[in-house]
Amino acid sequence: MELVAIVAALALIQYLYFAVRVGRARGTYGVKAPAVTGHPAFERHHRVHQNTLEQLVLLLPGLWLFATYVNPGGAAALGLLFVIGRAVYAQRYVAAPETRGPGSILTTLAVALLLLGGLIGAILRLV
């Protein structure tokens, strides 16, 4: 379970890093709080941050479910795939939003496997 905890912490640290990038983009592009629109580059940083939050709501319970009912090592590996996918997503979204697909696919695949695997594992333990 230590690997799962490490990967969960990495995902949250990555989210914190994205928050810092939003703050820097506010200063760079002159977007005063509480505004969330303005310069397109700022908006891309903001969307990466918000989209990652939306995905974390699925990732963290999925990690726990998969680790508990299937395998902690597999959960950690899929969680790491999520972190890598988010890094790819962020880099591509900020550079050119239309190229964000590969990172989005990695993220969605990791989350879907964690959630479905955890659900199936729990059902199998029940029966």
Protein backbone atom coordinates (compact mmCIF):
# COMPACT_ATOMS: atom_id res chain seq x y z
CA MET A 1 0.00 0.00 0.00
CA GLU A 2 3.01 2.28 0.36
CA LEU A 3 3.29 2.54 -3.43
CA VAL A 4 -0.35 3.56 -3.63
CA ALA A 5 0.22 6.26 -1.01
CA ILE A 6 3.27 7.52 -2.91
CA VAL A 7 1.37 7.72 -6.20
CA ALA A 8 -1.59 9.46 -4.53
CA ALA A 9 0.83 12.00 -3.05
CA LEU A 10 2.47 12.49 -6.46
CA ALA A 11 -0.90 13.17 -8.07
CA LEU A 12 -1.75 15.74 -5.40
CA ILE A 13 1.68 17.38 -5.64
CA GLN A 14 1.20 17.60 -9.40
CA TYR A 15 -2.16 19.30 -8.80
CA LEU A 16 -0.47 21.76 -6.45
CA TYR A 17 2.15 22.44 -9.13
CA PHE A 18 -0.63 23.20 -11.62
CA ALA A 19 -2.11 25.63 -9.07
CA VAL A 20 1.24 27.43 -8.84
CA ARG A 21 1.33 27.67 -12.64
CA VAL A 22 -2.12 29.28 -12.61
CA GLY A 23 -0.91 31.84 -10.09
CA ARG A 24 2.15 32.63 -12.18
CA ALA A 25 0.01 32.92 -15.31
CA ARG A 26 -2.24 35.41 -13.50
CA GLY A 27 0.77 37.65 -12.95
CA THR A 28 2.27 37.11 -16.38
CA TYR A 29 -0.94 37.83 -18.25
CA GLY A 30 -2.45 40.40 -15.87
CA VAL A 31 -5.56 38.44 -14.92
CA LYS A 32 -6.65 39.74 -11.53
CA ALA A 33 -8.47 37.45 -9.09
CA PRO A 34 -11.27 36.46 -9.00
CA ALA A 35 -11.43 36.58 -12.82
CA VAL A 36 -11.00 33.25 -14.58
CA THR A 37 -11.07 34.65 -18.09
CA GLY A 38 -8.80 37.04 -19.88
CA HIS A 39 -5.67 36.11 -21.75
CA PRO A 40 -6.00 32.78 -23.62
CA ALA A 41 -2.72 31.45 -22.19
CA PHE A 42 -3.95 32.08 -18.66
CA GLU A 43 -7.24 30.36 -19.47
CA ARG A 44 -5.38 27.26 -20.70
CA HIS A 45 -3.42 27.02 -17.42
CA HIS A 46 -6.64 27.50 -15.49
CA ARG A 47 -8.42 24.76 -17.47
CA VAL A 48 -5.56 22.30 -16.89
CA HIS A 49 -5.86 22.95 -13.16
CA GLN A 50 -9.66 22.62 -13.09
CA ASN A 51 -9.74 19.57 -15.35
CA THR A 52 -7.18 17.87 -13.12
CA LEU A 53 -9.34 18.55 -10.06
CA GLU A 54 -12.28 16.93 -11.84
CA GLN A 55 -10.17 13.85 -12.54
CA LEU A 56 -8.74 13.62 -9.00
CA VAL A 57 -12.28 13.10 -7.70
CA LEU A 58 -12.28 9.84 -9.69
CA LEU A 59 -8.64 8.86 -9.27
CA LEU A 60 -8.34 8.82 -5.50
CA PRO A 61 -11.29 6.51 -4.74
CA GLY A 62 -10.35 4.41 -7.76
CA LEU A 63 -6.83 3.92 -6.39
CA TRP A 64 -8.23 2.84 -3.05
CA LEU A 65 -10.79 0.46 -4.57
CA PHE A 66 -8.32 -1.19 -6.93
CA ALA A 67 -5.63 -1.50 -4.26
CA THR A 68 -8.07 -3.02 -1.78
CA TYR A 69 -9.94 -5.42 -4.05
CA VAL A 70 -7.47 -6.22 -6.83
CA ASN A 71 -3.80 -5.43 -6.26
CA PRO A 72 -1.88 -2.53 -4.68
CA GLY A 73 0.98 -2.75 -7.19
CA GLY A 74 -1.41 -2.62 -10.11
CA ALA A 75 -3.22 0.33 -8.53
CA ALA A 76 0.09 2.17 -8.14
CA ALA A 77 1.05 1.45 -11.76
CA LEU A 78 -2.28 2.73 -13.06
CA GLY A 79 -2.03 5.75 -10.77
CA LEU A 80 1.41 6.50 -12.18
CA LEU A 81 -0.07 6.25 -15.68
CA PHE A 82 -2.58 8.88 -14.56
CA VAL A 83 0.20 11.22 -13.36
CA ILE A 84 2.10 10.77 -16.63
CA GLY A 85 -1.10 11.32 -18.61
CA ARG A 86 -1.82 14.54 -16.71
CA ALA A 87 1.71 15.80 -17.39
CA VAL A 88 1.29 15.13 -21.11
CA TYR A 89 -2.17 16.68 -21.03
CA ALA A 90 -0.94 19.83 -19.28
CA GLN A 91 2.03 20.35 -21.57
CA ARG A 92 -0.03 19.87 -24.72
CA TYR A 93 -3.08 21.80 -23.55
CA VAL A 94 -1.04 24.87 -22.65
CA ALA A 95 0.92 24.72 -25.92
CA ALA A 96 -1.99 23.89 -28.24
CA PRO A 97 -5.31 22.70 -26.75
CA GLU A 98 -6.23 20.69 -29.83
CA THR A 99 -3.25 18.35 -29.12
CA ARG A 100 -4.37 17.38 -25.59
CA GLY A 101 -5.89 14.09 -26.75
CA PRO A 102 -3.08 11.64 -25.86
CA GLY A 103 -2.81 12.92 -22.30
CA SER A 104 -6.57 12.88 -21.90
CA ILE A 105 -6.75 9.30 -23.17
CA LEU A 106 -4.04 8.11 -20.74
CA THR A 107 -5.82 9.81 -17.85
CA THR A 108 -9.23 8.42 -18.75
CA LEU A 109 -7.88 4.92 -19.36
CA ALA A 110 -6.12 4.83 -15.99
CA VAL A 111 -9.18 6.07 -14.10
CA ALA A 112 -11.57 3.74 -15.93
CA LEU A 113 -9.39 0.69 -15.23
CA LEU A 114 -9.03 1.62 -11.57
CA LEU A 115 -12.76 2.14 -11.08
CA LEU A 116 -13.95 -0.85 -13.11
CA GLY A 117 -11.27 -3.13 -11.68
CA GLY A 118 -12.12 -2.04 -8.14
CA LEU A 119 -15.83 -2.56 -8.74
CA ILE A 120 -15.35 -6.02 -10.26
CA GLY A 121 -12.91 -6.98 -7.51
CA ALA A 122 -15.39 -5.95 -4.82
CA ILE A 123 -18.24 -7.83 -6.50
CA LEU A 124 -16.11 -10.97 -6.84
CA ARG A 125 -15.20 -10.85 -3.15
CA LEU A 126 -18.88 -10.52 -2.30
CA VAL A 127 -19.95 -13.63 -4.22
